[in-house]
């Protein structure tokens, strides 16, 4: 939900990925990895037009 909302507000994919990278410091690498995978799924859905 948040990835799609950010994209709808003209946040670039690179900026979203940077935020997730910075979150790894606070949330931990496993949580950041999970977030990256979810973001990639959302990006794929957006590319497919869903």
PDB file of N, CA and C in Angstrom:
ATOM      1  N   UNK A   1       0.825  -1.174   0.000  1.00  0.00           N
ATOM      2  CA  UNK A   1       0.000   0.000   0.000  1.00  0.00           C
ATOM      3  C   UNK A   1       0.880   1.252   0.000  1.00  0.00           C
ATOM      4  N   UNK A   2       1.897   1.303   0.835  1.00  0.00           N
ATOM      5  CA  UNK A   2       2.718   2.499   0.941  1.00  0.00           C
ATOM      6  C   UNK A   2       3.614   2.696  -0.282  1.00  0.00           C
ATOM      7  N   UNK A   3       4.096   1.608  -0.858  1.00  0.00           N
ATOM      8  CA  UNK A   3       4.935   1.719  -2.047  1.00  0.00           C
ATOM      9  C   UNK A   3       4.116   2.284  -3.194  1.00  0.00           C
ATOM     10  N   UNK A   4       2.939   1.757  -3.377  1.00  0.00           N
ATOM     11  CA  UNK A   4       2.064   2.234  -4.459  1.00  0.00           C
ATOM     12  C   UNK A   4       1.659   3.696  -4.212  1.00  0.00           C
ATOM     13  N   UNK A   5       1.361   4.053  -2.976  1.00  0.00           N
ATOM     14  CA  UNK A   5       0.977   5.430  -2.659  1.00  0.00           C
ATOM     15  C   UNK A   5       2.140   6.382  -2.917  1.00  0.00           C
ATOM     16  N   UNK A   6       3.342   5.972  -2.561  1.00  0.00           N
ATOM     17  CA  UNK A   6       4.513   6.819  -2.818  1.00  0.00           C
ATOM     18  C   UNK A   6       4.701   7.020  -4.318  1.00  0.00           C
ATOM     19  N   UNK A   7       4.561   5.956  -5.076  1.00  0.00           N
ATOM     20  CA  UNK A   7       4.706   6.056  -6.530  1.00  0.00           C
ATOM     21  C   UNK A   7       3.636   6.974  -7.123  1.00  0.00           C
ATOM     22  N   UNK A   8       2.429   6.919  -6.574  1.00  0.00           N
ATOM     23  CA  UNK A   8       1.349   7.790  -7.052  1.00  0.00           C
ATOM     24  C   UNK A   8       1.618   9.255  -6.728  1.00  0.00           C
ATOM     25  N   UNK A   9       2.504   9.508  -5.762  1.00  0.00           N
ATOM     26  CA  UNK A   9       2.858  10.872  -5.381  1.00  0.00           C
ATOM     27  C   UNK A   9       4.213  11.280  -5.950  1.00  0.00           C
ATOM     28  N   UNK A  10       4.574  10.651  -7.066  1.00  0.00           N
ATOM     29  CA  UNK A  10       5.776  11.000  -7.836  1.00  0.00           C
ATOM     30  C   UNK A  10       7.092  10.744  -7.114  1.00  0.00           C
ATOM     31  N   UNK A  11       7.106   9.796  -6.177  1.00  0.00           N
ATOM     32  CA  UNK A  11       8.364   9.351  -5.592  1.00  0.00           C
ATOM     33  C   UNK A  11       8.934   8.309  -6.551  1.00  0.00           C
ATOM     34  N   UNK A  12      10.197   8.458  -6.927  1.00  0.00           N
ATOM     35  CA  UNK A  12      10.788   7.535  -7.894  1.00  0.00           C
ATOM     36  C   UNK A  12      11.086   6.193  -7.243  1.00  0.00           C
ATOM     37  N   UNK A  13      11.254   5.188  -8.068  1.00  0.00           N
ATOM     38  CA  UNK A  13      11.604   3.864  -7.558  1.00  0.00           C
ATOM     39  C   UNK A  13      12.943   3.896  -6.841  1.00  0.00           C
ATOM     40  N   UNK A  14      13.860   4.693  -7.360  1.00  0.00           N
ATOM     41  CA  UNK A  14      15.173   4.799  -6.734  1.00  0.00           C
ATOM     42  C   UNK A  14      15.064   5.423  -5.346  1.00  0.00           C
ATOM     43  N   UNK A  15      14.183   6.402  -5.198  1.00  0.00           N
ATOM     44  CA  UNK A  15      13.980   7.027  -3.892  1.00  0.00           C
ATOM     45  C   UNK A  15      13.336   6.043  -2.914  1.00  0.00           C
ATOM     46  N   UNK A  16      12.388   5.258  -3.390  1.00  0.00           N
ATOM     47  CA  UNK A  16      11.755   4.245  -2.541  1.00  0.00           C
ATOM     48  C   UNK A  16      12.795   3.233  -2.085  1.00  0.00           C
ATOM     49  N   UNK A  17      13.642   2.788  -2.999  1.00  0.00           N
ATOM     50  CA  UNK A  17      14.683   1.824  -2.644  1.00  0.00           C
ATOM     51  C   UNK A  17      15.669   2.417  -1.643  1.00  0.00           C
ATOM     52  N   UNK A  18      15.988   3.697  -1.779  1.00  0.00           N
ATOM     53  CA  UNK A  18      16.888   4.355  -0.843  1.00  0.00           C
ATOM     54  C   UNK A  18      16.275   4.407   0.559  1.00  0.00           C
ATOM     55  N   UNK A  19      14.985   4.682   0.629  1.00  0.00           N
ATOM     56  CA  UNK A  19      14.301   4.693   1.929  1.00  0.00           C
ATOM     57  C   UNK A  19      14.369   3.309   2.567  1.00  0.00           C
ATOM     58  N   UNK A  20      14.146   2.276   1.775  1.00  0.00           N
ATOM     59  CA  UNK A  20      14.213   0.914   2.308  1.00  0.00           C
ATOM     60  C   UNK A  20      15.624   0.573   2.765  1.00  0.00           C
ATOM     61  N   UNK A  21      16.625   1.040   2.041  1.00  0.00           N
ATOM     62  CA  UNK A  21      18.004   0.810   2.428  1.00  0.00           C
ATOM     63  C   UNK A  21      18.302   1.486   3.765  1.00  0.00           C
ATOM     64  N   UNK A  22      17.842   2.711   3.930  1.00  0.00           N
ATOM     65  CA  UNK A  22      18.049   3.415   5.194  1.00  0.00           C
ATOM     66  C   UNK A  22      17.281   2.744   6.333  1.00  0.00           C
ATOM     67  N   UNK A  23      16.116   2.195   6.037  1.00  0.00           N
ATOM     68  CA  UNK A  23      15.329   1.510   7.062  1.00  0.00           C
ATOM     69  C   UNK A  23      16.040   0.273   7.584  1.00  0.00           C
ATOM     70  N   UNK A  24      16.916  -0.304   6.780  1.00  0.00           N
ATOM     71  CA  UNK A  24      17.649  -1.501   7.210  1.00  0.00           C
ATOM     72  C   UNK A  24      18.464  -1.215   8.460  1.00  0.00           C
ATOM     73  N   UNK A  25      18.951   0.005   8.591  1.00  0.00           N
ATOM     74  CA  UNK A  25      19.743   0.369   9.758  1.00  0.00           C
ATOM     75  C   UNK A  25      18.900   0.292  11.026  1.00  0.00           C
ATOM     76  N   UNK A  26      17.651   0.720  10.923  1.00  0.00           N
ATOM     77  CA  UNK A  26      16.783   0.789  12.094  1.00  0.00           C
ATOM     78  C   UNK A  26      15.966  -0.473  12.306  1.00  0.00           C
ATOM     79  N   UNK A  27      15.562  -1.115  11.232  1.00  0.00           N
ATOM     80  CA  UNK A  27      14.677  -2.281  11.319  1.00  0.00           C
ATOM     81  C   UNK A  27      15.431  -3.600  11.295  1.00  0.00           C
ATOM     82  N   UNK A  28      16.636  -3.564  10.752  1.00  0.00           N
ATOM     83  CA  UNK A  28      17.401  -4.784  10.590  1.00  0.00           C
ATOM     84  C   UNK A  28      17.365  -5.248   9.144  1.00  0.00           C
ATOM     85  N   UNK A  29      18.411  -5.968   8.778  1.00  0.00           N
ATOM     86  CA  UNK A  29      18.556  -6.421   7.393  1.00  0.00           C
ATOM     87  C   UNK A  29      17.459  -7.394   6.983  1.00  0.00           C
ATOM     88  N   UNK A  30      17.071  -8.363   7.816  1.00  0.00           N
ATOM     89  CA  UNK A  30      15.999  -9.278   7.376  1.00  0.00           C
ATOM     90  C   UNK A  30      14.686  -8.553   7.048  1.00  0.00           C
ATOM     91  N   UNK A  31      14.317  -7.585   7.857  1.00  0.00           N
ATOM     92  CA  UNK A  31      13.087  -6.835   7.588  1.00  0.00           C
ATOM     93  C   UNK A  31      13.231  -6.011   6.315  1.00  0.00           C
ATOM     94  N   UNK A  32      14.397  -5.410   6.114  1.00  0.00           N
ATOM     95  CA  UNK A  32      14.631  -4.623   4.902  1.00  0.00           C
ATOM     96  C   UNK A  32      14.604  -5.510   3.665  1.00  0.00           C
ATOM     97  N   UNK A  33      15.171  -6.691   3.753  1.00  0.00           N
ATOM     98  CA  UNK A  33      15.130  -7.622   2.621  1.00  0.00           C
ATOM     99  C   UNK A  33      13.693  -7.980   2.269  1.00  0.00           C
ATOM    100  N   UNK A  34      12.876  -8.222   3.289  1.00  0.00           N
ATOM    101  CA  UNK A  34      11.468  -8.539   3.046  1.00  0.00           C
ATOM    102  C   UNK A  34      10.776  -7.352   2.378  1.00  0.00           C
ATOM    103  N   UNK A  35      11.098  -6.139   2.837  1.00  0.00           N
ATOM    104  CA  UNK A  35      10.494  -4.949   2.249  1.00  0.00           C
ATOM    105  C   UNK A  35      10.914  -4.779   0.795  1.00  0.00           C
ATOM    106  N   UNK A  36      12.189  -5.058   0.482  1.00  0.00           N
ATOM    107  CA  UNK A  36      12.655  -4.966  -0.899  1.00  0.00           C
ATOM    108  C   UNK A  36      11.908  -5.954  -1.790  1.00  0.00           C
ATOM    109  N   UNK A  37      11.685  -7.167  -1.293  1.00  0.00           N
ATOM    110  CA  UNK A  37      10.970  -8.173  -2.085  1.00  0.00           C
ATOM    111  C   UNK A  37       9.523  -7.734  -2.335  1.00  0.00           C
ATOM    112  N   UNK A  38       8.891  -7.197  -1.313  1.00  0.00           N
ATOM    113  CA  UNK A  38       7.519  -6.722  -1.473  1.00  0.00           C
ATOM    114  C   UNK A  38       7.474  -5.572  -2.466  1.00  0.00           C
ATOM    115  N   UNK A  39       8.429  -4.642  -2.361  1.00  0.00           N
ATOM    116  CA  UNK A  39       8.467  -3.515  -3.282  1.00  0.00           C
ATOM    117  C   UNK A  39       8.659  -3.985  -4.716  1.00  0.00           C
ATOM    118  N   UNK A  40       9.517  -4.978  -4.925  1.00  0.00           N
ATOM    119  CA  UNK A  40       9.730  -5.506  -6.272  1.00  0.00           C
ATOM    120  C   UNK A  40       8.446  -6.117  -6.826  1.00  0.00           C
ATOM    121  N   UNK A  41       7.679  -6.806  -5.969  1.00  0.00           N
ATOM    122  CA  UNK A  41       6.405  -7.369  -6.405  1.00  0.00           C
ATOM    123  C   UNK A  41       5.433  -6.262  -6.807  1.00  0.00           C
ATOM    124  N   UNK A  42       5.393  -5.193  -6.016  1.00  0.00           N
ATOM    125  CA  UNK A  42       4.500  -4.070  -6.333  1.00  0.00           C
ATOM    126  C   UNK A  42       4.933  -3.413  -7.633  1.00  0.00           C
ATOM    127  N   UNK A  43       6.241  -3.214  -7.815  1.00  0.00           N
ATOM    128  CA  UNK A  43       6.732  -2.621  -9.065  1.00  0.00           C
ATOM    129  C   UNK A  43       6.344  -3.484 -10.255  1.00  0.00           C
ATOM    130  N   UNK A  44       6.445  -4.805 -10.103  1.00  0.00           N
ATOM    131  CA  UNK A  44       6.071  -5.714 -11.200  1.00  0.00           C
ATOM    132  C   UNK A  44       4.581  -5.604 -11.505  1.00  0.00           C
ATOM    133  N   UNK A  45       3.751  -5.501 -10.458  1.00  0.00           N
ATOM    134  CA  UNK A  45       2.308  -5.337 -10.664  1.00  0.00           C
ATOM    135  C   UNK A  45       2.010  -4.014 -11.371  1.00  0.00           C
ATOM    136  N   UNK A  46       2.721  -2.962 -10.966  1.00  0.00           N
ATOM    137  CA  UNK A  46       2.509  -1.659 -11.592  1.00  0.00           C
ATOM    138  C   UNK A  46       2.917  -1.693 -13.064  1.00  0.00           C
ATOM    139  N   UNK A  47       4.016  -2.389 -13.372  1.00  0.00           N
ATOM    140  CA  UNK A  47       4.477  -2.512 -14.752  1.00  0.00           C
ATOM    141  C   UNK A  47       3.484  -3.307 -15.594  1.00  0.00           C
ATOM    142  N   UNK A  48       2.817  -4.272 -14.960  1.00  0.00           N
ATOM    143  CA  UNK A  48       1.850  -5.104 -15.662  1.00  0.00           C
ATOM    144  C   UNK A  48       0.502  -4.389 -15.821  1.00  0.00           C
ATOM    145  N   UNK A  49       0.373  -3.229 -15.182  1.00  0.00           N
ATOM    146  CA  UNK A  49      -0.861  -2.465 -15.317  1.00  0.00           C
ATOM    147  C   UNK A  49      -1.933  -2.818 -14.328  1.00  0.00           C
ATOM    148  N   UNK A  50      -1.587  -3.459 -13.262  1.00  0.00           N
ATOM    149  CA  UNK A  50      -2.587  -3.807 -12.245  1.00  0.00           C
ATOM    150  C   UNK A  50      -2.666  -2.786 -11.171  1.00  0.00           C
TER     151      UNK A  50
END
